[in-house]
């Protein structure tokens, strides 16, 4: 039997398959590298685009924050101006009120009563004076209660003191009093009084 040597043919086939395998492997690695590189470039472009959009949005947010601060500052100024205007309007409305109060004090003052001091805090008026008797103080308080510019008289203090020398029992006596009343601030009160 003749002997045929097939080894060189098998060796060539093996070498060719090995070369094809390494070529295919190299092609796959190259294709994978290309895909990874392209994916990296695409993702980098997407990230850069998003970062540019984020920077644009941050710039717009900062600009809007400044505008909001300006608006809040303007609103605070507006509120302060409105408060000032309200105070000025209240002062304008109450300006003739004190004239009416003094007029009412004169009209409500009965004979035999003298006023020595008048203090006003807000709408509360403290009236100090002297009267010939406690009855005249009561009449003064009733007149205040009927007044259209004064209300709620409250007797704080009443002291009976002698107006003559000490120890003189025949000397006339006077009642020193302190009355607190409220000022009526409505316009209707001023219109009701002639």
N, C-alpha and C. Protein backbone atom coordinates (compact mmCIF):
# COMPACT_ATOMS: atom_id res chain seq x y z
N UNK A 1 0.80 -1.15 0.00
CA UNK A 1 0.00 0.00 0.00
C UNK A 1 0.86 1.23 0.00
N UNK A 2 0.46 1.96 -0.89
CA UNK A 2 1.27 3.15 -0.97
C UNK A 2 0.88 4.13 0.14
N UNK A 3 1.76 4.75 0.59
CA UNK A 3 1.52 5.71 1.69
C UNK A 3 1.41 7.10 1.12
N UNK A 4 0.29 7.78 1.45
CA UNK A 4 0.06 9.13 0.96
C UNK A 4 0.15 10.04 2.21
N UNK A 5 0.91 10.98 2.03
CA UNK A 5 1.11 11.94 3.12
C UNK A 5 0.14 13.10 2.94
N UNK A 6 -0.87 13.19 3.83
CA UNK A 6 -1.87 14.27 3.77
C UNK A 6 -1.54 15.40 4.76
N UNK A 7 -0.46 15.25 5.45
CA UNK A 7 -0.10 16.23 6.46
C UNK A 7 0.09 17.65 5.89
N UNK A 8 0.79 17.84 4.79
CA UNK A 8 0.96 19.20 4.32
C UNK A 8 -0.38 19.85 3.95
N UNK A 9 -1.29 19.08 3.40
CA UNK A 9 -2.58 19.66 3.02
C UNK A 9 -3.36 20.05 4.27
N UNK A 10 -3.33 19.20 5.30
CA UNK A 10 -4.00 19.50 6.55
C UNK A 10 -3.34 20.68 7.25
N UNK A 11 -2.06 20.73 7.18
CA UNK A 11 -1.33 21.83 7.80
C UNK A 11 -1.67 23.14 7.10
N UNK A 12 -1.77 23.10 5.79
CA UNK A 12 -2.14 24.32 5.06
C UNK A 12 -3.57 24.73 5.39
N UNK A 13 -4.45 23.72 5.50
CA UNK A 13 -5.85 24.02 5.83
C UNK A 13 -5.95 24.62 7.24
N UNK A 14 -5.22 24.02 8.15
CA UNK A 14 -5.21 24.55 9.52
C UNK A 14 -4.65 25.97 9.55
N UNK A 15 -3.58 26.21 8.81
CA UNK A 15 -2.96 27.54 8.78
C UNK A 15 -3.93 28.55 8.16
N UNK A 16 -4.65 28.12 7.10
CA UNK A 16 -5.61 29.01 6.46
C UNK A 16 -6.77 29.31 7.41
N UNK A 17 -7.27 28.30 8.09
CA UNK A 17 -8.37 28.52 9.04
C UNK A 17 -7.91 29.41 10.20
N UNK A 18 -6.69 29.18 10.66
CA UNK A 18 -6.16 30.01 11.74
C UNK A 18 -6.07 31.45 11.27
N UNK A 19 -5.59 31.69 10.06
CA UNK A 19 -5.48 33.04 9.51
C UNK A 19 -6.86 33.68 9.37
N UNK A 20 -7.84 32.87 8.88
CA UNK A 20 -9.19 33.40 8.76
C UNK A 20 -9.77 33.73 10.13
N UNK A 21 -9.49 32.86 11.10
CA UNK A 21 -9.97 33.12 12.47
C UNK A 21 -9.39 34.42 13.00
N UNK A 22 -8.05 34.58 12.84
CA UNK A 22 -7.41 35.79 13.36
C UNK A 22 -7.87 37.03 12.57
N UNK A 23 -8.10 36.88 11.28
CA UNK A 23 -8.61 38.00 10.49
C UNK A 23 -10.03 38.36 10.95
N UNK A 24 -10.87 37.31 11.13
CA UNK A 24 -12.23 37.55 11.63
C UNK A 24 -12.21 38.17 13.03
N UNK A 25 -11.28 37.61 13.88
CA UNK A 25 -11.15 38.16 15.24
C UNK A 25 -10.69 39.61 15.17
N UNK A 26 -9.72 39.92 14.34
CA UNK A 26 -9.22 41.29 14.19
C UNK A 26 -10.31 42.20 13.64
N UNK A 27 -11.09 41.68 12.66
CA UNK A 27 -12.20 42.47 12.11
C UNK A 27 -13.26 42.76 13.17
N UNK A 28 -13.56 41.71 14.00
CA UNK A 28 -14.55 41.90 15.07
C UNK A 28 -14.06 42.91 16.08
N UNK A 29 -12.76 42.81 16.45
CA UNK A 29 -12.19 43.78 17.40
C UNK A 29 -12.22 45.17 16.80
N UNK A 30 -11.86 45.28 15.52
CA UNK A 30 -11.86 46.57 14.85
C UNK A 30 -13.29 47.12 14.76
N UNK A 31 -14.25 46.26 14.42
CA UNK A 31 -15.64 46.70 14.34
C UNK A 31 -16.14 47.13 15.73
N UNK A 32 -15.80 46.35 16.76
CA UNK A 32 -16.20 46.71 18.12
C UNK A 32 -15.57 48.04 18.53
N UNK A 33 -14.30 48.25 18.19
CA UNK A 33 -13.63 49.50 18.51
C UNK A 33 -14.30 50.66 17.79
N UNK A 34 -14.67 50.44 16.52
CA UNK A 34 -15.36 51.49 15.77
C UNK A 34 -16.72 51.80 16.40
N UNK A 35 -17.46 50.75 16.77
CA UNK A 35 -18.78 50.97 17.40
C UNK A 35 -18.61 51.70 18.72
N UNK A 36 -17.65 51.28 19.53
CA UNK A 36 -17.41 51.93 20.83
C UNK A 36 -16.97 53.38 20.61
N UNK A 37 -16.09 53.60 19.65
CA UNK A 37 -15.64 54.97 19.36
C UNK A 37 -16.78 55.87 18.89
N UNK A 38 -17.60 55.33 17.96
CA UNK A 38 -18.75 56.10 17.49
C UNK A 38 -19.75 56.36 18.62
N UNK A 39 -20.00 55.34 19.42
CA UNK A 39 -20.92 55.52 20.55
C UNK A 39 -20.37 56.57 21.52
N UNK A 40 -19.05 56.53 21.76
CA UNK A 40 -18.43 57.51 22.65
C UNK A 40 -18.57 58.92 22.08
N UNK A 41 -18.34 59.06 20.76
CA UNK A 41 -18.49 60.37 20.14
C UNK A 41 -19.93 60.86 20.21
N UNK A 42 -20.88 59.97 19.92
CA UNK A 42 -22.29 60.36 19.97
C UNK A 42 -22.69 60.74 21.39
N UNK A 43 -22.29 59.92 22.38
CA UNK A 43 -22.63 60.23 23.77
C UNK A 43 -21.96 61.52 24.23
N UNK A 44 -20.72 61.75 23.81
CA UNK A 44 -20.03 63.00 24.14
C UNK A 44 -20.76 64.20 23.56
N UNK A 45 -21.21 64.06 22.31
CA UNK A 45 -21.96 65.15 21.68
C UNK A 45 -23.27 65.39 22.41
N UNK A 46 -23.96 64.31 22.81
CA UNK A 46 -25.22 64.46 23.54
C UNK A 46 -24.97 65.13 24.88
N UNK A 47 -23.91 64.69 25.60
CA UNK A 47 -23.59 65.28 26.91
C UNK A 47 -23.22 66.75 26.75
N UNK A 48 -22.40 67.07 25.74
CA UNK A 48 -22.02 68.47 25.51
C UNK A 48 -23.25 69.32 25.19
N UNK A 49 -24.13 68.78 24.36
CA UNK A 49 -25.36 69.49 24.02
C UNK A 49 -26.20 69.74 25.27
N UNK A 50 -26.34 68.70 26.12
CA UNK A 50 -27.14 68.85 27.35
C UNK A 50 -26.49 69.84 28.31
N UNK A 51 -25.14 69.80 28.40
CA UNK A 51 -24.46 70.76 29.27
C UNK A 51 -24.65 72.19 28.77
N UNK A 52 -24.64 72.36 27.46
CA UNK A 52 -24.88 73.70 26.90
C UNK A 52 -26.30 74.16 27.22
N UNK A 53 -27.25 73.25 27.11
CA UNK A 53 -28.64 73.59 27.45
C UNK A 53 -28.76 73.91 28.93
N UNK A 54 -28.08 73.12 29.78
CA UNK A 54 -28.12 73.37 31.23
C UNK A 54 -27.52 74.74 31.57
N UNK A 55 -26.42 75.07 30.92
CA UNK A 55 -25.80 76.38 31.16
C UNK A 55 -26.75 77.50 30.72
N UNK A 56 -27.39 77.31 29.59
CA UNK A 56 -28.36 78.30 29.12
C UNK A 56 -29.50 78.45 30.11
N UNK A 57 -30.02 77.31 30.60
CA UNK A 57 -31.11 77.36 31.58
C UNK A 57 -30.65 78.01 32.88
N UNK A 58 -29.43 77.69 33.34
CA UNK A 58 -28.91 78.31 34.57
C UNK A 58 -28.78 79.81 34.41
N UNK A 59 -28.31 80.24 33.23
CA UNK A 59 -28.22 81.69 32.97
C UNK A 59 -29.59 82.35 32.99
N UNK A 60 -30.56 81.69 32.38
CA UNK A 60 -31.92 82.24 32.37
C UNK A 60 -32.52 82.26 33.78
N UNK A 61 -32.24 81.20 34.55
CA UNK A 61 -32.75 81.13 35.94
C UNK A 61 -32.15 82.26 36.76
N UNK A 62 -30.85 82.51 36.60
CA UNK A 62 -30.21 83.60 37.34
C UNK A 62 -30.80 84.95 36.93
N UNK A 63 -31.05 85.12 35.63
CA UNK A 63 -31.66 86.38 35.18
C UNK A 63 -33.06 86.53 35.76
N UNK A 64 -33.82 85.44 35.78
CA UNK A 64 -35.17 85.50 36.35
C UNK A 64 -35.12 85.73 37.86
N UNK A 65 -34.14 85.14 38.54
CA UNK A 65 -34.00 85.39 39.99
C UNK A 65 -33.75 86.86 40.26
N UNK A 66 -32.91 87.49 39.42
CA UNK A 66 -32.65 88.93 39.59
C UNK A 66 -33.93 89.73 39.35
N UNK A 67 -34.68 89.34 38.34
CA UNK A 67 -35.93 90.05 38.05
C UNK A 67 -36.94 89.85 39.18
N UNK A 68 -36.97 88.63 39.74
CA UNK A 68 -37.88 88.37 40.87
C UNK A 68 -37.49 89.22 42.07
N UNK A 69 -36.17 89.33 42.33
CA UNK A 69 -35.71 90.19 43.44
C UNK A 69 -36.13 91.63 43.20
N UNK A 70 -35.98 92.09 41.96
CA UNK A 70 -36.39 93.47 41.64
C UNK A 70 -37.89 93.64 41.84
N UNK A 71 -38.66 92.63 41.41
CA UNK A 71 -40.12 92.71 41.58
C UNK A 71 -40.48 92.72 43.06
N UNK A 72 -39.83 91.85 43.86
CA UNK A 72 -40.12 91.83 45.29
C UNK A 72 -39.73 93.15 45.95
N UNK A 73 -38.61 93.73 45.50
CA UNK A 73 -38.19 95.03 46.03
C UNK A 73 -39.21 96.11 45.67
N UNK A 74 -39.69 96.06 44.42
CA UNK A 74 -40.71 97.04 44.00
C UNK A 74 -42.00 96.84 44.79
N UNK A 75 -42.38 95.58 45.03
CA UNK A 75 -43.60 95.33 45.81
C UNK A 75 -43.43 95.83 47.24
N UNK A 76 -42.23 95.63 47.82
CA UNK A 76 -41.99 96.14 49.18
C UNK A 76 -42.08 97.67 49.19
N UNK A 77 -41.49 98.30 48.17
CA UNK A 77 -41.58 99.76 48.08
C UNK A 77 -43.03 100.20 47.94
N UNK A 78 -43.77 99.48 47.09
CA UNK A 78 -45.18 99.82 46.89
C UNK A 78 -45.95 99.70 48.20
N UNK A 79 -45.69 98.61 48.95
CA UNK A 79 -46.39 98.43 50.23
C UNK A 79 -46.04 99.56 51.20
N UNK A 80 -44.75 99.94 51.24
CA UNK A 80 -44.36 101.04 52.12
C UNK A 80 -45.04 102.34 51.70
N UNK A 81 -45.08 102.60 50.39
CA UNK A 81 -45.74 103.83 49.91
C UNK A 81 -47.23 103.80 50.21
N UNK A 82 -47.86 102.63 50.03
CA UNK A 82 -49.29 102.53 50.34
C UNK A 82 -49.54 102.76 51.83
N UNK A 83 -48.64 102.23 52.67
CA UNK A 83 -48.80 102.44 54.11
C UNK A 83 -48.65 103.92 54.44
N UNK A 84 -47.68 104.58 53.81
CA UNK A 84 -47.51 106.02 54.04
C UNK A 84 -48.73 106.79 53.57
N UNK A 85 -49.24 106.41 52.38
CA UNK A 85 -50.42 107.09 51.86
C UNK A 85 -51.61 106.89 52.79
N UNK A 86 -51.75 105.69 53.36
CA UNK A 86 -52.86 105.43 54.29
C UNK A 86 -52.71 106.29 55.54
N UNK A 87 -51.49 106.41 56.05
CA UNK A 87 -51.26 107.25 57.23
C UNK A 87 -51.60 108.70 56.91
N UNK A 88 -51.16 109.17 55.74
CA UNK A 88 -51.45 110.55 55.35
C UNK A 88 -52.95 110.76 55.20
N UNK A 89 -53.64 109.78 54.61
CA UNK A 89 -55.10 109.90 54.47
C UNK A 89 -55.78 109.92 55.83
N UNK A 90 -55.30 109.09 56.76
CA UNK A 90 -55.88 109.10 58.10
C UNK A 90 -55.65 110.44 58.77
N UNK A 91 -54.45 110.98 58.60
CA UNK A 91 -54.18 112.30 59.18
C UNK A 91 -55.07 113.37 58.55
N UNK A 92 -55.25 113.29 57.24
CA UNK A 92 -56.12 114.25 56.57
C UNK A 92 -57.56 114.14 57.07
N UNK A 93 -58.03 112.88 57.24
CA UNK A 93 -59.41 112.70 57.72
C UNK A 93 -59.56 113.15 59.17
N UNK A 94 -58.51 112.95 59.98
CA UNK A 94 -58.64 113.27 61.41
C UNK A 94 -58.26 114.72 61.72
N UNK A 95 -57.77 115.45 60.75
CA UNK A 95 -57.36 116.83 61.01
C UNK A 95 -58.48 117.68 61.59
N UNK A 96 -59.67 117.68 61.00
CA UNK A 96 -60.73 118.51 61.59
C UNK A 96 -61.31 117.89 62.86
N UNK A 97 -60.98 116.64 63.15
CA UNK A 97 -61.54 115.96 64.32
C UNK A 97 -61.20 116.64 65.62
N UNK A 98 -59.97 117.09 65.80
CA UNK A 98 -59.57 117.72 67.06
C UNK A 98 -60.31 119.04 67.25
N UNK A 99 -60.59 119.73 66.16
CA UNK A 99 -61.36 120.98 66.25
C UNK A 99 -62.76 120.66 66.77
N UNK A 100 -63.34 119.59 66.23
CA UNK A 100 -64.68 119.18 66.68
C UNK A 100 -64.64 118.74 68.14
N UNK A 101 -63.56 118.06 68.53
CA UNK A 101 -63.44 117.61 69.93
C UNK A 101 -63.40 118.81 70.87
N UNK A 102 -62.58 119.80 70.53
CA UNK A 102 -62.52 120.99 71.39
C UNK A 102 -63.87 121.71 71.41
N UNK A 103 -64.51 121.77 70.27
CA UNK A 103 -65.83 122.39 70.22
C UNK A 103 -66.81 121.62 71.11
N UNK A 104 -66.76 120.30 71.06
CA UNK A 104 -67.65 119.49 71.89
C UNK A 104 -67.31 119.64 73.37
N UNK A 105 -66.04 119.75 73.69
CA UNK A 105 -65.67 119.97 75.10
C UNK A 105 -66.27 121.26 75.62
N UNK A 106 -66.22 122.31 74.81
CA UNK A 106 -66.79 123.59 75.23
C UNK A 106 -68.30 123.46 75.37
N UNK A 107 -68.95 122.75 74.44
CA UNK A 107 -70.40 122.62 74.49
C UNK A 107 -70.86 121.71 75.64
N UNK A 108 -70.06 120.74 76.01
CA UNK A 108 -70.46 119.80 77.06
C UNK A 108 -70.09 120.29 78.45
N UNK A 109 -69.33 121.36 78.54
CA UNK A 109 -68.84 121.85 79.82
C UNK A 109 -69.96 122.60 80.55
N UNK A 110 -70.44 122.08 81.69
CA UNK A 110 -71.47 122.80 82.43
C UNK A 110 -70.87 123.96 83.23
N UNK A 111 -71.72 124.85 83.70
CA UNK A 111 -71.25 125.95 84.54
C UNK A 111 -70.64 125.38 85.81
N UNK A 112 -69.59 126.01 86.30
CA UNK A 112 -68.95 125.58 87.54
C UNK A 112 -67.90 124.51 87.33
N UNK A 113 -67.55 124.20 86.09
CA UNK A 113 -66.50 123.22 85.79
C UNK A 113 -65.42 123.92 84.99
N UNK A 114 -64.16 123.75 85.42
CA UNK A 114 -63.01 124.33 84.72
C UNK A 114 -62.06 123.19 84.34
N UNK A 115 -61.56 123.24 83.14
CA UNK A 115 -60.61 122.22 82.68
C UNK A 115 -59.19 122.75 82.85
N UNK A 116 -58.29 121.89 83.31
CA UNK A 116 -56.90 122.32 83.52
C UNK A 116 -55.93 121.62 82.57
N UNK A 117 -56.27 120.43 82.08
CA UNK A 117 -55.35 119.72 81.19
C UNK A 117 -56.14 118.75 80.31
N UNK A 118 -55.68 118.62 79.08
CA UNK A 118 -56.27 117.65 78.14
C UNK A 118 -55.12 116.94 77.44
N UNK A 119 -55.14 115.60 77.45
CA UNK A 119 -54.11 114.80 76.77
C UNK A 119 -54.82 113.81 75.85
N UNK A 120 -54.22 113.59 74.68
CA UNK A 120 -54.80 112.62 73.76
C UNK A 120 -53.75 111.59 73.37
N UNK A 121 -54.14 110.31 73.46
CA UNK A 121 -53.30 109.20 72.99
C UNK A 121 -54.18 108.34 72.10
N UNK A 122 -53.93 108.39 70.80
CA UNK A 122 -54.78 107.65 69.87
C UNK A 122 -56.17 108.26 69.87
N UNK A 123 -57.17 107.44 70.17
CA UNK A 123 -58.54 107.97 70.24
C UNK A 123 -59.00 108.18 71.69
N UNK A 124 -58.08 108.02 72.64
CA UNK A 124 -58.40 108.21 74.06
C UNK A 124 -58.00 109.62 74.49
N UNK A 125 -58.90 110.30 75.16
CA UNK A 125 -58.66 111.68 75.62
C UNK A 125 -58.79 111.71 77.14
N UNK A 126 -57.74 112.20 77.79
CA UNK A 126 -57.75 112.34 79.26
C UNK A 126 -58.00 113.81 79.58
N UNK A 127 -59.05 114.06 80.39
CA UNK A 127 -59.46 115.43 80.72
C UNK A 127 -59.33 115.61 82.22
N UNK A 128 -58.57 116.63 82.63
CA UNK A 128 -58.42 116.95 84.05
C UNK A 128 -59.01 118.33 84.29
N UNK A 129 -59.62 118.49 85.47
CA UNK A 129 -60.20 119.79 85.77
C UNK A 129 -60.72 119.86 87.20
N UNK A 130 -61.43 120.95 87.48
CA UNK A 130 -62.02 121.19 88.79
C UNK A 130 -63.49 121.53 88.60
N UNK A 131 -64.28 121.08 89.56
CA UNK A 131 -65.72 121.38 89.54
C UNK A 131 -66.13 121.84 90.92
N UNK A 132 -67.20 122.62 90.97
CA UNK A 132 -67.70 123.11 92.24
C UNK A 132 -68.28 121.98 93.08
N UNK A 133 -68.77 120.91 92.42
CA UNK A 133 -69.33 119.78 93.16
C UNK A 133 -69.25 118.53 92.31
N UNK A 134 -69.49 117.39 92.95
CA UNK A 134 -69.50 116.12 92.23
C UNK A 134 -70.67 116.04 91.25
N UNK A 135 -71.74 116.77 91.55
CA UNK A 135 -72.90 116.78 90.67
C UNK A 135 -72.54 117.39 89.33
N UNK A 136 -71.71 118.41 89.35
CA UNK A 136 -71.31 119.05 88.10
C UNK A 136 -70.39 118.12 87.28
N UNK A 137 -69.58 117.32 87.97
CA UNK A 137 -68.74 116.32 87.27
C UNK A 137 -69.65 115.30 86.60
N UNK A 138 -70.71 114.88 87.31
CA UNK A 138 -71.66 113.92 86.73
C UNK A 138 -72.37 114.52 85.53
N UNK A 139 -72.74 115.79 85.62
CA UNK A 139 -73.39 116.45 84.49
C UNK A 139 -72.44 116.54 83.30
N UNK A 140 -71.17 116.81 83.57
CA UNK A 140 -70.15 116.88 82.51
C UNK A 140 -70.04 115.52 81.81
N UNK A 141 -70.03 114.44 82.59
CA UNK A 141 -69.91 113.09 82.01
C UNK A 141 -71.16 112.74 81.19
N UNK A 142 -72.34 113.13 81.68
CA UNK A 142 -73.57 112.87 80.91
C UNK A 142 -73.54 113.63 79.58
N UNK A 143 -73.06 114.87 79.62
CA UNK A 143 -72.97 115.66 78.39
C UNK A 143 -71.98 115.02 77.40
N UNK A 144 -70.88 114.50 77.92
CA UNK A 144 -69.90 113.82 77.05
C UNK A 144 -70.55 112.60 76.41
N UNK A 145 -71.33 111.87 77.19
CA UNK A 145 -71.98 110.66 76.69
C UNK A 145 -73.00 111.00 75.59
N UNK A 146 -73.62 112.16 75.65
CA UNK A 146 -74.59 112.58 74.64
C UNK A 146 -73.91 113.18 73.41
N UNK A 147 -72.65 113.51 73.52
CA UNK A 147 -71.93 114.18 72.44
C UNK A 147 -71.76 113.26 71.23
N UNK A 148 -71.72 113.87 70.05
CA UNK A 148 -71.53 113.08 68.83
C UNK A 148 -70.05 112.89 68.50
N UNK A 149 -69.14 113.60 69.17
CA UNK A 149 -67.71 113.46 68.90
C UNK A 149 -66.96 112.81 70.04
N UNK A 150 -67.61 112.60 71.17
CA UNK A 150 -66.98 111.94 72.32
C UNK A 150 -67.91 110.84 72.80
N UNK A 151 -67.32 109.78 73.35
CA UNK A 151 -68.14 108.66 73.84
C UNK A 151 -67.43 107.99 75.00
N UNK A 152 -68.15 107.14 75.68
CA UNK A 152 -67.66 106.29 76.78
C UNK A 152 -66.85 107.05 77.83
N UNK A 153 -67.45 108.05 78.49
CA UNK A 153 -66.71 108.75 79.55
C UNK A 153 -66.50 107.81 80.74
N UNK A 154 -65.31 107.89 81.31
CA UNK A 154 -64.97 107.04 82.45
C UNK A 154 -64.27 107.92 83.48
N UNK A 155 -64.84 107.98 84.67
CA UNK A 155 -64.27 108.79 85.75
C UNK A 155 -63.12 108.02 86.38
N UNK A 156 -61.93 108.56 86.26
CA UNK A 156 -60.74 107.91 86.81
C UNK A 156 -60.53 108.32 88.28
N UNK A 157 -60.51 109.63 88.52
CA UNK A 157 -60.20 110.14 89.86
C UNK A 157 -61.12 111.32 90.15
N UNK A 158 -61.61 111.39 91.40
CA UNK A 158 -62.29 112.58 91.87
C UNK A 158 -61.87 112.80 93.32
N UNK A 159 -61.35 113.98 93.60
CA UNK A 159 -60.90 114.32 94.96
C UNK A 159 -61.53 115.65 95.34
N UNK A 160 -62.07 115.70 96.54
CA UNK A 160 -62.65 116.95 97.03
C UNK A 160 -61.56 117.66 97.83
N UNK A 161 -61.27 118.88 97.44
CA UNK A 161 -60.21 119.66 98.10
C UNK A 161 -60.75 121.03 98.47
N UNK A 162 -60.22 121.55 99.53
CA UNK A 162 -60.60 122.89 99.99
C UNK A 162 -59.79 123.90 99.19
N UNK A 163 -60.46 124.98 98.77
CA UNK A 163 -59.76 126.00 97.97
C UNK A 163 -59.25 127.14 98.83
N UNK A 164 -59.59 127.17 100.09
CA UNK A 164 -59.15 128.25 100.99
C UNK A 164 -57.96 127.81 101.80
N UNK A 165 -57.79 128.48 102.97
CA UNK A 165 -56.69 128.15 103.87
C UNK A 165 -56.96 126.81 104.54
N UNK A 166 -55.90 126.12 104.92
CA UNK A 166 -56.05 124.85 105.61
C UNK A 166 -56.69 125.07 106.98
N UNK A 167 -57.59 124.19 107.32
CA UNK A 167 -58.25 124.28 108.61
C UNK A 167 -59.49 125.15 108.58
N UNK A 168 -59.69 125.93 107.55
CA UNK A 168 -60.86 126.78 107.43
C UNK A 168 -62.01 125.94 106.89
N UNK A 169 -62.98 125.64 107.72
CA UNK A 169 -64.09 124.77 107.36
C UNK A 169 -65.12 125.50 106.50
N UNK A 170 -65.09 126.81 106.50
CA UNK A 170 -66.08 127.56 105.73
C UNK A 170 -65.59 127.86 104.32
N UNK A 171 -64.35 127.50 104.02
CA UNK A 171 -63.78 127.78 102.70
C UNK A 171 -64.50 126.93 101.64
N UNK A 172 -64.66 127.48 100.47
CA UNK A 172 -65.31 126.71 99.42
C UNK A 172 -64.46 125.48 99.05
N UNK A 173 -65.19 124.44 98.65
CA UNK A 173 -64.50 123.19 98.31
C UNK A 173 -64.69 122.93 96.81
N UNK A 174 -63.69 122.29 96.22
CA UNK A 174 -63.75 121.97 94.79
C UNK A 174 -63.41 120.50 94.59
N UNK A 175 -64.01 119.90 93.57
CA UNK A 175 -63.73 118.50 93.23
C UNK A 175 -62.77 118.48 92.05
N UNK A 176 -61.59 117.95 92.28
CA UNK A 176 -60.63 117.77 91.19
C UNK A 176 -60.90 116.40 90.57
N UNK A 177 -61.00 116.36 89.26
CA UNK A 177 -61.39 115.10 88.61
C UNK A 177 -60.50 114.81 87.41
N UNK A 178 -60.51 113.53 87.02
CA UNK A 178 -59.87 113.08 85.79
C UNK A 178 -60.87 112.16 85.08
N UNK A 179 -61.23 112.54 83.87
CA UNK A 179 -62.18 111.77 83.07
C UNK A 179 -61.46 111.33 81.80
N UNK A 180 -61.67 110.08 81.42
CA UNK A 180 -61.12 109.55 80.16
C UNK A 180 -62.30 109.26 79.24
N UNK A 181 -62.22 109.78 78.01
CA UNK A 181 -63.28 109.57 77.01
C UNK A 181 -62.64 109.13 75.71
N UNK A 182 -63.45 108.55 74.85
CA UNK A 182 -62.99 108.11 73.52
C UNK A 182 -63.47 109.11 72.48
N UNK A 183 -62.62 109.36 71.49
CA UNK A 183 -62.99 110.25 70.39
C UNK A 183 -63.69 109.41 69.32
N UNK A 184 -64.80 109.91 68.83
CA UNK A 184 -65.51 109.26 67.73
C UNK A 184 -64.82 109.71 66.45
N UNK A 185 -64.39 108.74 65.63
CA UNK A 185 -63.63 109.09 64.43
C UNK A 185 -64.43 108.94 63.15
N UNK A 186 -65.69 108.56 63.24
CA UNK A 186 -66.48 108.38 62.02
C UNK A 186 -66.93 109.73 61.48
N UNK A 187 -67.12 109.79 60.18
CA UNK A 187 -67.55 111.03 59.53
C UNK A 187 -69.02 111.33 59.84
N UNK A 188 -69.78 110.28 60.08
CA UNK A 188 -71.20 110.49 60.34
C UNK A 188 -71.41 111.33 61.59
N UNK A 189 -70.51 111.17 62.58
CA UNK A 189 -70.66 111.93 63.82
C UNK A 189 -70.52 113.42 63.54
N UNK A 190 -69.59 113.77 62.66
CA UNK A 190 -69.40 115.18 62.34
C UNK A 190 -70.55 115.74 61.55
N UNK A 191 -71.16 114.91 60.71
CA UNK A 191 -72.28 115.40 59.92
C UNK A 191 -73.55 115.50 60.75
N UNK A 192 -73.64 114.68 61.81
CA UNK A 192 -74.85 114.70 62.63
C UNK A 192 -74.89 115.93 63.51
N UNK A 193 -73.72 116.41 63.91
CA UNK A 193 -73.67 117.57 64.82
C UNK A 193 -73.82 118.86 64.02
N UNK A 194 -74.70 119.76 64.42
CA UNK A 194 -74.86 121.01 63.67
C UNK A 194 -73.71 121.96 63.93
